[in-house]
Amino acid sequence: MEKRIASELNVRPAQVKAVLQLTEEGGTIPFIARYRKEQTGELDEVAIKAILDRHKQLTQLESRRSDVLEKIEEQGVLTPELRRTLNEATTLQQVEDIYLPFRPKRRTKAEIAREAGLAPLADWLRDKSAYDEATFQRLSGTLDSEEALAGAQSIIAEEWGEQATVREFIRKQIRRSAEIVTKQKKDAVDEKGVFAQYYAYNERIQQIVPHRILAINRAESLKIVSVKVVLEEQQVLPTLLRSYAQLAPKKRDIVEAAITTGYKKSVFPAIEREIRNELTEKAELQAIDVFGKNLRQLYMQPPMKGKVMLGLDPAYRTGCKWAVIDPTGEMKEVGVIYVTMSEQKAKEARQTLSKLVDTYGIELIAIGNGTASRETEAFVADWMKGQKDIAFTIVDEAGASIYSASEIARTEFPELQVEQRSAISIARRLQDPLAELVKVDPQSVGVGQYQHDVSQTKLKETLDFVVETVVNQVGVDVNTASEPLLSY
């Protein structure tokens, strides 16, 4: 396994072995990357994570392979050829395809037909002997001709559709030539027309971009559109039916009819689901990757340390909450001003800001980018015309409300209201973005598309890795670091 991982990731087997051993001993990715460079050959966090991820995938593959081998052996049908085929499988999908004919099934039409003794009839219809009615009747047993034929065709269709080579060929054709087609549902409710482009839409699977897959999935889950994968049968069936061309004409017609029906009703719909799951998984991985990169960029913003700051959390009716913090991030005072209500309120707000500057020597103002941000920005810019040595900037307040209502915020500021805590968080995000943002669940920071549509487990794993990596890359001041920051 180590050699395979090394070959796939273009590293040395010794590096893979070192990473796996260090991880088994309890080393975290940042620890190994920073303090065990001599053992890993200077591998960074990304390379180490790639090794661990691939090892996990291959371990799951080996576990499933072993499980399938055991189950087939229990049935007494494990041949040397079948064992070799399973051992050569390189993906979970291949293992599942090989196992499919042996998987316990519910009572399908084919299974009922076998129980009725129609397996010999199905075999005879597929062999190269001539068709004769007497043999057909003999192999039909006590069943009438129509019932026997239907049963035999069910067996033929099921066994054909369970062949790994057949399923893989169909998959390849779908990936190469099929289209995703969406159509608006009659009772669809999309008042703002968010998904209007998908009311009548089609695109080649080979060309469709990942974020569009997630958009289509969401529109489908909201019952706005129906979605299907469309592939011309002529791109698949003629090739798959070629192996039956040598059968006697009557037999060939029966077998081809069975396979065509099985393809339409069972095999293609099953593989369509597989392909859509595959597309969704790829789209999710890219969305999660983008989310991780955006989060890293946000966390790595340079801090504005050593300054007294004023944080403003804008609002209309309820007023603009403010908080003053000192150079260490400690809250000095909080309050509220009204900048959009009336000229009298605006005048009072200007007086309040001027007083705060005089009292605390405020050097920088952080304005949240939420509701009423533009109006607050315009107000502050106008007020600053009479001020010296002070500046303002807009701060992304994504997740600030989540933090404000969190257990961490309640512990830090038990005497304050939620909105007052938010103003403090906005100021601290400018003073030390990393130290403040780690207090917010990474999934709530809101720097990615379709974050609620992707695997929450995979998203959390990736974002936790990003936070851990950034914290360990930057380091912390243990004298002032919060518990959430130290936890990474």
Protein backbone atom coordinates (compact mmCIF):
# COMPACT_ATOMS: atom_id res chain seq x y z
CA MET A 1 0.00 0.00 0.00
CA GLU A 2 2.84 2.39 0.85
CA LYS A 3 4.42 1.89 -2.60
CA ARG A 4 1.09 2.53 -4.32
CA ILE A 5 0.46 5.74 -2.37
CA ALA A 6 4.01 6.91 -3.05
CA SER A 7 3.63 6.25 -6.77
CA GLU A 8 0.25 8.01 -7.00
CA LEU A 9 1.35 11.08 -5.03
CA ASN A 10 4.87 11.26 -6.44
CA VAL A 11 6.67 10.87 -3.11
CA ARG A 12 9.03 8.22 -1.76
CA PRO A 13 7.72 5.08 0.02
CA ALA A 14 9.90 5.99 3.02
CA GLN A 15 8.06 9.33 3.31
CA VAL A 16 4.69 7.59 3.26
CA LYS A 17 5.85 5.10 5.88
CA ALA A 18 7.12 7.91 8.14
CA VAL A 19 3.86 9.86 7.91
CA LEU A 20 1.74 6.80 8.73
CA GLN A 21 3.99 5.82 11.63
CA LEU A 22 4.06 9.33 13.11
CA THR A 23 0.28 9.59 12.82
CA GLU A 24 -0.17 6.23 14.51
CA GLU A 25 1.99 7.53 17.37
CA GLY A 26 -0.44 10.43 17.84
CA GLY A 27 1.19 13.17 15.80
CA THR A 28 -1.13 15.76 14.25
CA ILE A 29 -0.60 17.01 10.71
CA PRO A 30 0.76 20.46 11.76
CA PHE A 31 3.04 18.85 14.36
CA ILE A 32 4.49 16.39 11.84
CA ALA A 33 4.90 19.11 9.20
CA ARG A 34 6.71 21.48 11.55
CA TYR A 35 8.67 19.27 13.95
CA ARG A 36 9.34 16.04 12.05
CA LYS A 37 10.64 17.37 8.74
CA GLU A 38 13.78 15.25 8.97
CA GLN A 39 11.65 12.08 9.10
CA THR A 40 9.15 13.01 6.38
CA GLY A 41 11.63 14.55 3.98
CA GLU A 42 10.28 18.12 4.30
CA LEU A 43 6.64 17.23 3.47
CA ASP A 44 4.21 20.10 4.11
CA GLU A 45 0.70 19.89 5.61
CA VAL A 46 -1.00 19.46 2.23
CA ALA A 47 1.21 16.54 1.20
CA ILE A 48 0.82 14.86 4.59
CA LYS A 49 -2.95 15.19 4.47
CA ALA A 50 -3.01 13.78 0.91
CA ILE A 51 -1.08 10.70 2.11
CA LEU A 52 -3.44 10.17 5.05
CA ASP A 53 -6.55 10.66 2.91
CA ARG A 54 -5.35 8.19 0.29
CA HIS A 55 -4.37 5.68 2.97
CA LYS A 56 -7.86 5.93 4.42
CA GLN A 57 -9.42 5.34 0.97
CA LEU A 58 -7.24 2.32 0.28
CA THR A 59 -7.88 0.91 3.74
CA GLN A 60 -11.62 1.14 3.10
CA LEU A 61 -11.11 -0.55 -0.28
CA GLU A 62 -9.15 -3.42 1.27
CA SER A 63 -11.72 -3.81 4.03
CA ARG A 64 -14.58 -4.01 1.54
CA ARG A 65 -12.63 -6.38 -0.73
CA SER A 66 -11.99 -8.72 2.20
CA ASP A 67 -15.65 -8.54 3.24
CA VAL A 68 -16.86 -9.36 -0.30
CA LEU A 69 -14.41 -12.27 -0.66
CA GLU A 70 -15.65 -13.72 2.62
CA LYS A 71 -19.32 -13.38 1.65
CA ILE A 72 -18.83 -14.99 -1.76
CA GLU A 73 -16.78 -17.79 -0.19
CA GLU A 74 -19.60 -18.46 2.29
CA GLN A 75 -21.90 -19.03 -0.69
CA GLY A 76 -19.46 -21.68 -1.99
CA VAL A 77 -19.04 -20.01 -5.39
CA LEU A 78 -15.61 -18.35 -5.03
CA THR A 79 -13.49 -19.54 -7.95
CA PRO A 80 -9.76 -18.79 -8.47
CA GLU A 81 -10.73 -16.56 -11.42
CA LEU A 82 -13.23 -14.62 -9.32
CA ARG A 83 -10.71 -14.20 -6.51
CA ARG A 84 -8.12 -12.89 -8.99
CA THR A 85 -10.62 -10.42 -10.47
CA LEU A 86 -11.53 -9.12 -7.02
CA ASN A 87 -7.87 -8.78 -6.01
CA GLU A 88 -7.17 -6.78 -9.18
CA ALA A 89 -10.04 -4.33 -8.56
CA THR A 90 -8.65 -0.85 -7.90
CA THR A 91 -11.82 1.00 -6.86
CA LEU A 92 -14.79 0.40 -4.58
CA GLN A 93 -17.06 0.64 -7.62
CA GLN A 94 -15.27 -2.26 -9.30
CA VAL A 95 -15.55 -4.37 -6.16
CA GLU A 96 -19.27 -3.64 -5.90
CA ASP A 97 -19.80 -4.48 -9.59
CA ILE A 98 -18.10 -7.86 -9.14
CA TYR A 99 -20.14 -8.56 -6.00
CA LEU A 100 -23.46 -7.55 -7.55
CA PRO A 101 -24.45 -11.02 -8.94
CA PHE A 102 -23.79 -12.56 -5.52
CA ARG A 103 -25.40 -9.89 -3.38
CA PRO A 104 -28.49 -11.07 -1.44
CA LYS A 105 -31.55 -9.76 -3.27
CA ARG A 106 -35.17 -9.18 -2.58
CA ARG A 107 -37.44 -11.51 -4.54
CA THR A 108 -37.11 -10.06 -8.02
CA LYS A 109 -39.04 -11.33 -11.04
CA ALA A 110 -35.87 -13.14 -12.07
CA GLU A 111 -35.59 -14.85 -8.68
CA ILE A 112 -39.23 -15.94 -8.85
CA ALA A 113 -38.58 -17.31 -12.35
CA ARG A 114 -35.59 -19.29 -11.08
CA GLU A 115 -37.72 -20.73 -8.30
CA ALA A 116 -40.20 -21.80 -10.99
CA GLY A 117 -37.41 -23.74 -12.70
CA LEU A 118 -36.93 -21.42 -15.69
CA ALA A 119 -33.14 -21.04 -15.45
CA PRO A 120 -32.55 -23.88 -18.00
CA LEU A 121 -34.93 -22.14 -20.43
CA ALA A 122 -32.98 -18.88 -20.06
CA ASP A 123 -29.70 -20.71 -20.65
CA TRP A 124 -31.08 -22.44 -23.75
CA LEU A 125 -32.34 -19.19 -25.22
CA ARG A 126 -28.80 -17.79 -24.93
CA ASP A 127 -26.97 -20.74 -26.45
CA LYS A 128 -26.20 -21.08 -30.16
CA SER A 129 -28.43 -24.06 -30.88
CA ALA A 130 -31.40 -23.70 -33.22
CA TYR A 131 -34.76 -22.65 -31.85
CA ASP A 132 -37.49 -25.29 -31.81
CA GLU A 133 -40.89 -25.09 -30.20
CA ALA A 134 -40.74 -28.57 -28.68
CA THR A 135 -37.65 -27.72 -26.62
CA PHE A 136 -39.20 -24.43 -25.60
CA GLN A 137 -42.35 -26.17 -24.33
CA ARG A 138 -40.34 -28.85 -22.52
CA LEU A 139 -38.19 -26.30 -20.70
CA SER A 140 -41.27 -24.18 -19.86
CA GLY A 141 -42.51 -26.96 -17.56
CA THR A 142 -46.08 -26.52 -16.39
CA LEU A 143 -46.18 -22.79 -17.18
CA ASP A 144 -47.93 -21.44 -20.24
CA SER A 145 -45.71 -20.14 -23.03
CA GLU A 146 -46.23 -16.43 -22.31
CA GLU A 147 -45.50 -16.75 -18.59
CA ALA A 148 -42.45 -18.95 -19.20
CA LEU A 149 -41.04 -16.57 -21.79
CA ALA A 150 -41.49 -13.56 -19.50
CA GLY A 151 -39.77 -15.38 -16.63
CA ALA A 152 -36.84 -16.49 -18.78
CA GLN A 153 -36.42 -12.96 -20.12
CA SER A 154 -36.35 -11.60 -16.56
CA ILE A 155 -33.48 -13.96 -15.76
CA ILE A 156 -31.63 -13.00 -18.96
CA ALA A 157 -32.07 -9.26 -18.30
CA GLU A 158 -30.96 -9.46 -14.66
CA GLU A 159 -27.89 -11.59 -15.32
CA TRP A 160 -26.89 -9.40 -18.26
CA GLY A 161 -27.26 -6.24 -16.21
CA GLU A 162 -25.14 -7.62 -13.37
CA GLN A 163 -22.05 -8.06 -15.54
CA ALA A 164 -19.28 -5.70 -14.42
CA THR A 165 -18.07 -5.14 -18.00
CA VAL A 166 -21.58 -4.17 -19.16
CA ARG A 167 -22.08 -1.67 -16.34
CA GLU A 168 -18.63 -0.12 -16.81
CA PHE A 169 -19.20 0.29 -20.56
CA ILE A 170 -22.51 2.10 -19.92
CA ARG A 171 -20.84 4.33 -17.32
CA LYS A 172 -18.12 5.33 -19.77
CA GLN A 173 -20.67 6.15 -22.45
CA ILE A 174 -22.70 8.26 -20.03
CA ARG A 175 -19.62 10.16 -18.90
CA ARG A 176 -18.55 10.72 -22.51
CA SER A 177 -21.81 11.49 -24.29
CA ALA A 178 -24.83 11.85 -21.96
CA GLU A 179 -26.53 15.12 -21.03
CA ILE A 180 -28.06 16.42 -17.83
CA VAL A 181 -31.56 17.64 -18.73
CA THR A 182 -33.72 19.70 -16.37
CA LYS A 183 -37.32 20.79 -16.76
CA GLN A 184 -39.50 23.04 -14.63
CA LYS A 185 -42.20 21.21 -12.68
CA LYS A 186 -45.81 22.29 -13.14
CA ASP A 187 -46.33 23.12 -9.47
CA ALA A 188 -42.87 24.68 -8.97
CA VAL A 189 -42.58 27.67 -6.62
CA ASP A 190 -39.60 29.90 -7.42
CA GLU A 191 -40.93 33.41 -6.74
CA LYS A 192 -37.61 35.20 -7.25
CA GLY A 193 -36.66 33.11 -10.28
CA VAL A 194 -33.44 31.97 -8.61
CA PHE A 195 -33.37 28.81 -10.70
CA ALA A 196 -34.87 30.25 -13.89
CA GLN A 197 -31.94 29.11 -16.04
CA TYR A 198 -32.77 25.50 -15.18
CA TYR A 199 -36.46 25.59 -16.18
CA ALA A 200 -35.47 24.14 -19.56
CA TYR A 201 -31.79 23.29 -19.53
CA ASN A 202 -29.43 20.69 -20.92
CA GLU A 203 -25.65 20.29 -20.91
CA ARG A 204 -23.16 17.53 -21.62
CA ILE A 205 -22.05 15.76 -18.44
CA GLN A 206 -18.49 15.94 -19.69
CA GLN A 207 -18.63 19.76 -19.75
CA ILE A 208 -20.83 20.73 -16.82
CA VAL A 209 -19.05 22.68 -14.08
CA PRO A 210 -19.30 21.46 -10.47
CA HIS A 211 -21.16 24.43 -8.99
CA ARG A 212 -23.91 23.95 -11.58
CA ILE A 213 -24.42 20.39 -10.39
CA LEU A 214 -25.00 21.68 -6.85
CA ALA A 215 -27.43 24.32 -8.14
CA ILE A 216 -29.37 21.69 -10.10
CA ASN A 217 -29.45 19.41 -7.06
CA ARG A 218 -30.83 22.19 -4.91
CA ALA A 219 -33.49 23.10 -7.49
CA GLU A 220 -34.48 19.45 -7.62
CA SER A 221 -34.64 19.11 -3.82
CA LEU A 222 -36.90 22.19 -3.70
CA LYS A 223 -39.18 20.48 -6.27
CA ILE A 224 -38.63 23.29 -8.77
CA VAL A 225 -37.23 21.13 -11.57
CA SER A 226 -37.07 17.49 -12.57
CA VAL A 227 -33.65 16.14 -13.51
CA LYS A 228 -32.63 13.24 -15.69
CA VAL A 229 -29.60 11.91 -17.50
CA VAL A 230 -30.24 11.43 -21.23
CA LEU A 231 -28.20 9.12 -23.44
CA GLU A 232 -29.18 7.93 -26.91
CA GLU A 233 -29.75 4.17 -26.78
CA GLN A 234 -27.98 3.80 -30.13
CA GLN A 235 -24.75 4.81 -28.42
CA VAL A 236 -24.97 1.81 -26.11
CA LEU A 237 -27.27 -1.04 -27.08
CA PRO A 238 -25.91 -1.97 -30.56
CA THR A 239 -22.46 -2.57 -29.06
CA LEU A 240 -23.80 -4.50 -26.08
CA LEU A 241 -26.08 -6.67 -28.24
CA ARG A 242 -23.31 -7.55 -30.70
CA SER A 243 -22.30 -10.65 -28.73
CA TYR A 244 -25.76 -12.14 -29.38
CA ALA A 245 -25.64 -11.64 -33.14
CA GLN A 246 -24.76 -15.31 -33.75
CA LEU A 247 -27.91 -16.64 -32.08
CA ALA A 248 -30.72 -18.16 -34.11
CA PRO A 249 -33.06 -15.37 -35.29
CA LYS A 250 -35.93 -16.22 -32.94
CA LYS A 251 -33.64 -16.62 -29.95
CA ARG A 252 -31.83 -13.39 -30.82
CA ASP A 253 -35.11 -11.47 -30.92
CA ILE A 254 -36.13 -12.86 -27.51
CA VAL A 255 -32.75 -12.15 -25.89
CA GLU A 256 -32.42 -8.66 -27.39
CA ALA A 257 -35.94 -7.76 -26.26
CA ALA A 258 -35.10 -8.92 -22.73
CA ILE A 259 -31.86 -6.95 -22.62
CA THR A 260 -33.43 -3.81 -24.08
CA THR A 261 -36.19 -3.91 -21.46
CA GLY A 262 -33.69 -4.59 -18.68
CA TYR A 263 -31.51 -1.71 -19.85
CA LYS A 264 -34.39 0.77 -19.87
CA LYS A 265 -36.16 -0.29 -16.68
CA SER A 266 -33.32 -1.36 -14.43
CA VAL A 267 -29.72 -1.01 -15.55
CA PHE A 268 -29.70 2.54 -16.94
CA PRO A 269 -31.73 4.04 -14.05
CA ALA A 270 -29.37 2.40 -11.53
CA ILE A 271 -26.26 3.68 -13.30
CA GLU A 272 -27.89 7.10 -13.77
CA ARG A 273 -28.15 7.31 -9.97
CA GLU A 274 -24.50 6.26 -9.64
CA ILE A 275 -23.34 8.90 -12.12
CA ARG A 276 -25.35 11.64 -10.44
CA ASN A 277 -23.88 10.63 -7.08
CA GLU A 278 -20.43 10.70 -8.68
CA LEU A 279 -21.02 14.18 -10.13
CA THR A 280 -22.37 15.40 -6.80
CA GLU A 281 -19.38 14.03 -4.92
CA LYS A 282 -16.94 15.76 -7.30
CA ALA A 283 -18.90 19.00 -7.08
CA GLU A 284 -18.93 18.78 -3.29
CA LEU A 285 -15.18 18.21 -3.15
CA GLN A 286 -14.53 21.27 -5.29
CA ALA A 287 -16.98 23.40 -3.29
CA ILE A 288 -15.34 22.28 -0.05
CA ASP A 289 -11.89 22.98 -1.48
CA VAL A 290 -12.94 26.51 -2.50
CA PHE A 291 -14.51 27.05 0.92
CA GLY A 292 -11.24 25.96 2.55
CA LYS A 293 -9.14 28.29 0.41
CA ASN A 294 -11.47 31.23 1.10
CA LEU A 295 -11.42 30.49 4.81
CA ARG A 296 -7.63 30.34 4.84
CA GLN A 297 -7.46 33.68 3.04
CA LEU A 298 -9.82 35.21 5.60
CA TYR A 299 -7.88 33.81 8.57
CA MET A 300 -4.55 34.93 7.12
CA GLN A 301 -5.51 38.61 6.89
CA PRO A 302 -2.73 40.69 8.51
CA PRO A 303 -3.64 41.84 12.04
CA MET A 304 -3.85 45.52 13.00
CA LYS A 305 -2.32 45.16 16.42
CA GLY A 306 -1.41 47.81 18.96
CA LYS A 307 -4.34 50.14 18.21
CA VAL A 308 -7.39 51.30 20.14
CA MET A 309 -10.41 50.44 18.01
CA LEU A 310 -14.09 51.18 17.75
CA GLY A 311 -16.32 48.42 16.37
CA LEU A 312 -19.64 49.40 14.78
CA ASP A 313 -22.42 46.89 14.14
CA PRO A 314 -24.76 48.80 11.78
CA ALA A 315 -28.57 48.68 11.91
CA TYR A 316 -31.54 50.89 11.06
CA ARG A 317 -34.35 50.88 13.61
CA THR A 318 -32.44 49.36 16.55
CA GLY A 319 -29.45 51.65 16.12
CA CYS A 320 -25.77 51.10 15.47
CA LYS A 321 -24.14 49.22 18.33
CA TRP A 322 -20.60 50.27 19.21
CA ALA A 323 -17.78 48.88 21.31
CA VAL A 324 -14.34 50.26 22.20
CA ILE A 325 -11.45 47.79 22.63
CA ASP A 326 -7.91 48.49 23.80
CA PRO A 327 -4.71 47.28 22.06
CA THR A 328 -4.98 43.88 23.81
CA GLY A 329 -8.57 43.35 22.66
CA GLU A 330 -10.12 44.07 26.05
CA MET A 331 -13.55 45.71 25.91
CA LYS A 332 -13.60 49.20 27.48
CA GLU A 333 -17.12 50.46 26.80
CA VAL A 334 -20.22 49.66 24.71
CA GLY A 335 -23.24 51.63 23.59
CA VAL A 336 -25.55 52.51 20.72
CA ILE A 337 -25.92 55.44 18.30
CA TYR A 338 -28.65 56.16 15.74
CA VAL A 339 -27.31 57.37 12.42
CA THR A 340 -30.37 56.95 10.16
CA MET A 341 -33.33 58.00 12.35
CA SER A 342 -33.34 61.82 12.38
CA GLU A 343 -30.99 64.78 12.21
CA GLN A 344 -31.20 65.21 16.00
CA LYS A 345 -30.21 61.55 16.54
CA ALA A 346 -27.41 61.91 13.98
CA LYS A 347 -26.11 64.99 15.81
CA GLU A 348 -26.07 63.06 19.08
CA ALA A 349 -24.23 60.23 17.32
CA ARG A 350 -21.50 62.59 16.11
CA GLN A 351 -21.08 63.94 19.63
CA THR A 352 -20.80 60.41 21.00
CA LEU A 353 -18.11 59.44 18.47
CA SER A 354 -16.12 62.62 19.17
CA LYS A 355 -16.31 61.97 22.92
CA LEU A 356 -15.11 58.38 22.48
CA VAL A 357 -12.13 59.57 20.42
CA ASP A 358 -11.22 62.10 23.10
CA THR A 359 -11.66 59.61 25.94
CA TYR A 360 -9.90 56.56 24.51
CA GLY A 361 -7.73 57.88 21.69
CA ILE A 362 -9.44 55.72 19.07
CA GLU A 363 -7.22 55.24 16.00
CA LEU A 364 -9.29 52.94 13.83
CA ILE A 365 -13.00 52.24 13.28
CA ALA A 366 -14.24 48.83 12.07
CA ILE A 367 -17.67 48.92 10.39
CA GLY A 368 -19.54 45.65 9.86
CA ASN A 369 -20.66 44.98 6.29
CA GLY A 370 -24.21 43.90 7.14
CA THR A 371 -27.54 45.75 7.08
CA ALA A 372 -27.17 49.58 6.99
CA SER A 373 -23.41 49.30 6.43
CA ARG A 374 -23.39 51.81 3.55
CA GLU A 375 -25.38 54.39 5.47
CA THR A 376 -23.12 53.96 8.52
CA GLU A 377 -20.01 54.24 6.32
CA ALA A 378 -21.31 57.48 4.76
CA PHE A 379 -22.11 58.87 8.23
CA VAL A 380 -18.65 58.03 9.62
CA ALA A 381 -16.89 59.41 6.53
CA ASP A 382 -18.76 62.70 6.89
CA TRP A 383 -18.05 62.90 10.64
CA MET A 384 -14.33 62.19 10.11
CA LYS A 385 -13.84 65.33 8.04
CA GLY A 386 -13.32 67.15 11.33
CA GLN A 387 -11.06 64.48 12.84
CA LYS A 388 -7.33 63.83 12.69
CA ASP A 389 -5.24 60.64 12.94
CA ILE A 390 -8.22 58.29 12.64
CA ALA A 391 -9.35 55.99 9.86
CA PHE A 392 -12.13 53.49 9.20
CA THR A 393 -12.56 50.29 7.21
CA ILE A 394 -15.29 47.80 6.38
CA VAL A 395 -15.04 44.40 8.08
CA ASP A 396 -16.69 41.16 6.96
CA GLU A 397 -19.07 40.31 9.78
CA ALA A 398 -19.99 36.81 8.53
CA GLY A 399 -20.58 34.59 11.54
CA ALA A 400 -20.47 37.47 14.04
CA SER A 401 -24.08 36.88 15.05
CA ILE A 402 -23.29 33.17 15.53
CA TYR A 403 -20.42 34.05 17.84
CA SER A 404 -22.48 36.64 19.73
CA ALA A 405 -25.05 34.06 20.77
CA SER A 406 -22.50 31.31 21.47
CA GLU A 407 -21.42 29.84 24.76
CA ILE A 408 -17.95 31.33 24.22
CA ALA A 409 -19.37 34.86 23.90
CA ARG A 410 -21.65 34.40 26.92
CA THR A 411 -18.66 33.28 28.96
CA GLU A 412 -16.55 36.25 27.80
CA PHE A 413 -19.27 38.89 28.23
CA PRO A 414 -22.08 37.55 30.44
CA GLU A 415 -23.37 41.04 31.24
CA LEU A 416 -23.75 42.17 27.60
CA GLN A 417 -26.54 41.77 25.06
CA VAL A 418 -26.02 39.73 21.89
CA GLU A 419 -25.75 42.79 19.62
CA GLN A 420 -23.17 44.43 21.89
CA ARG A 421 -20.98 41.35 21.72
CA SER A 422 -21.24 41.53 17.94
CA ALA A 423 -19.72 45.04 17.90
CA ILE A 424 -16.79 43.78 19.99
CA SER A 425 -16.27 40.86 17.61
CA ILE A 426 -16.24 43.19 14.59
CA ALA A 427 -13.51 45.35 16.17
CA ARG A 428 -11.46 42.33 17.19
CA ARG A 429 -11.72 40.87 13.68
CA LEU A 430 -9.74 43.85 12.46
CA GLN A 431 -7.31 43.83 15.35
CA ASP A 432 -6.52 40.09 15.10
CA PRO A 433 -8.67 38.24 12.51
CA LEU A 434 -7.33 34.79 13.31
CA ALA A 435 -7.72 35.02 17.09
CA GLU A 436 -11.32 36.21 16.76
CA LEU A 437 -12.52 34.05 13.87
CA VAL A 438 -11.47 30.78 15.52
CA LYS A 439 -14.26 31.39 18.03
CA VAL A 440 -16.80 30.89 15.23
CA ASP A 441 -17.67 27.48 13.86
CA PRO A 442 -15.81 27.48 10.49
CA GLN A 443 -19.00 26.32 8.74
CA SER A 444 -20.76 29.50 9.91
CA VAL A 445 -18.21 31.94 8.52
CA GLY A 446 -20.01 31.91 5.16
CA VAL A 447 -17.17 32.13 2.66
CA GLY A 448 -18.29 29.34 0.33
CA GLN A 449 -21.10 28.46 -2.06
CA TYR A 450 -23.69 25.78 -1.31
CA GLN A 451 -22.14 25.03 2.07
CA HIS A 452 -25.39 23.45 3.30
CA ASP A 453 -25.66 21.22 0.23
CA VAL A 454 -22.36 19.39 0.67
CA SER A 455 -21.36 16.59 3.03
CA GLN A 456 -21.21 18.29 6.42
CA THR A 457 -18.76 15.69 7.71
CA LYS A 458 -16.28 16.28 4.86
CA LEU A 459 -16.77 20.04 5.12
CA LYS A 460 -16.03 20.03 8.84
CA GLU A 461 -12.94 17.85 8.36
CA THR A 462 -11.55 20.20 5.70
CA LEU A 463 -12.31 23.42 7.55
CA ASP A 464 -10.93 22.10 10.83
CA PHE A 465 -7.77 21.15 8.96
CA VAL A 466 -7.53 24.67 7.48
CA VAL A 467 -7.95 26.33 10.88
CA GLU A 468 -5.49 23.99 12.57
CA THR A 469 -2.94 24.52 9.80
CA VAL A 470 -3.25 28.32 9.86
CA VAL A 471 -3.05 28.56 13.66
CA ASN A 472 0.05 26.38 13.73
CA GLN A 473 1.62 28.27 10.84
CA VAL A 474 1.04 31.68 12.44
CA GLY A 475 1.53 30.69 16.07
CA VAL A 476 -0.16 32.23 19.12
CA ASP A 477 0.72 34.57 21.94
CA VAL A 478 0.08 32.29 24.91
CA ASN A 479 -0.29 35.30 27.21
CA THR A 480 -3.37 36.60 25.41
CA ALA A 481 -4.65 33.61 23.38
CA SER A 482 -8.20 32.46 24.06
CA GLU A 483 -9.17 28.89 24.84
CA PRO A 484 -10.71 28.36 21.35
CA LEU A 485 -7.45 29.54 19.72
CA LEU A 486 -5.30 27.30 21.93
CA SER A 487 -7.54 24.32 21.16
CA TYR A 488 -6.18 24.33 17.60
